[in-house]
C-alpha cells in the first residue's frame, strides 16, 4: 500500500490520521514517485497495489504515479473522496480515468460535511456509466450522516453502504461494543462482528491514532503483520499505527534501499509478512490483520 501524502482537502474530526489537515504546510511530506516506482520495480511485493492518502489525488505527481503503477501491476486500487482539484474539471478527469481503464479499482467515500450528496451521487453515476470498476461507495456512520442524507444516498441506487465507526466515539467509548453501536438500517460496508465478537481483544490491542490517550501496551509483544506500507516520508512501515504517528522507530527501512539490505525487520517473501517486537497498540484498521503474542 502507498500512502502518498497525509494532507487532505477535508478535515474530518473522526479521521484516523492524527495530523490530517486542510493546510499542506502542516503535512508537507509526500512520496518521491520516481524513487517509489524504482523500489517497486525491484521489489514486487504483490500483484495488486493500493493507493491512498490523505487524499491521494492531491499529490502533485498523482498522474505520473498511477501511470507508473499500471506498468508494474495487474491491478491498482485507489481510495478517494471524489472531490478536490483533481476532480474540478470532471469531464476531463473522467476521460483520463477511462484511458486508465479497468485495471484500476476505485474505492470512494462520501463525507457529507465536505461534499453535497447530490454531487457525490452524480459523479458515482458517471463513473459507473463509463464502465469503470467502482467498488466502494460508502459513508462513515458519524453525526454528519443525517437521516435525510442517508435516505438520499440509499434511494439513489448507487450501491451505497454505511461504514461503521471504529475507535473512540464522542463520549470516549471504544466502539463497536455490540450491535447497539451499529446502524443496522442500511447495508453495511463490512461486517462489525470481527470487532464485537472479539471485543475484549479489540480493546486490549487497539487505540485509534486520533485519540489522545495512552497508546502504549503494558508489555512488549511479538507482532506478525502482512502490511507493507510505504509512507509519505518514503519509509516502509509494518502497520498503519506507526505510519500515522510518524513513528520512525518502527519503520522497517527506506525506499532508497533498493535491495532492502539495511531494513530493520525481516520481510519473508515466502510467508509475506514481518515479525517484530512492539510496545504500542494497533490502529483499529489493523485489527485481526496483525497477530500478537506475548514475548
Foldseek 3Di string as FASTA:
>chain_A
DEAFWAEACDDDLQDLQQQHDVDCVSTVFGADLVLQLLLCQLVVLDQEEEYAYNAQVPPPCSVVNLVSVLVVHQAYEYEHQCDDDCCPVPVVSLVVQVVSAASYEYAHEHEVVVDPLVVVLVSLVVNVVSVYHYDHYEYEPAPSCDPVNVVVNVVSPSPYAYEYRAAQHPVGDGDDQDCVSPDPPTHHPDDCCLCNVCVVVPVQFAHRNNDPDDFFHPAKKKKKALDWYQYSNQFTARAPNCRSVVPCVRTQGGSNPSVSPRGPWDADSVVNITIDIDGGGHHSVCPPRMDIDHD
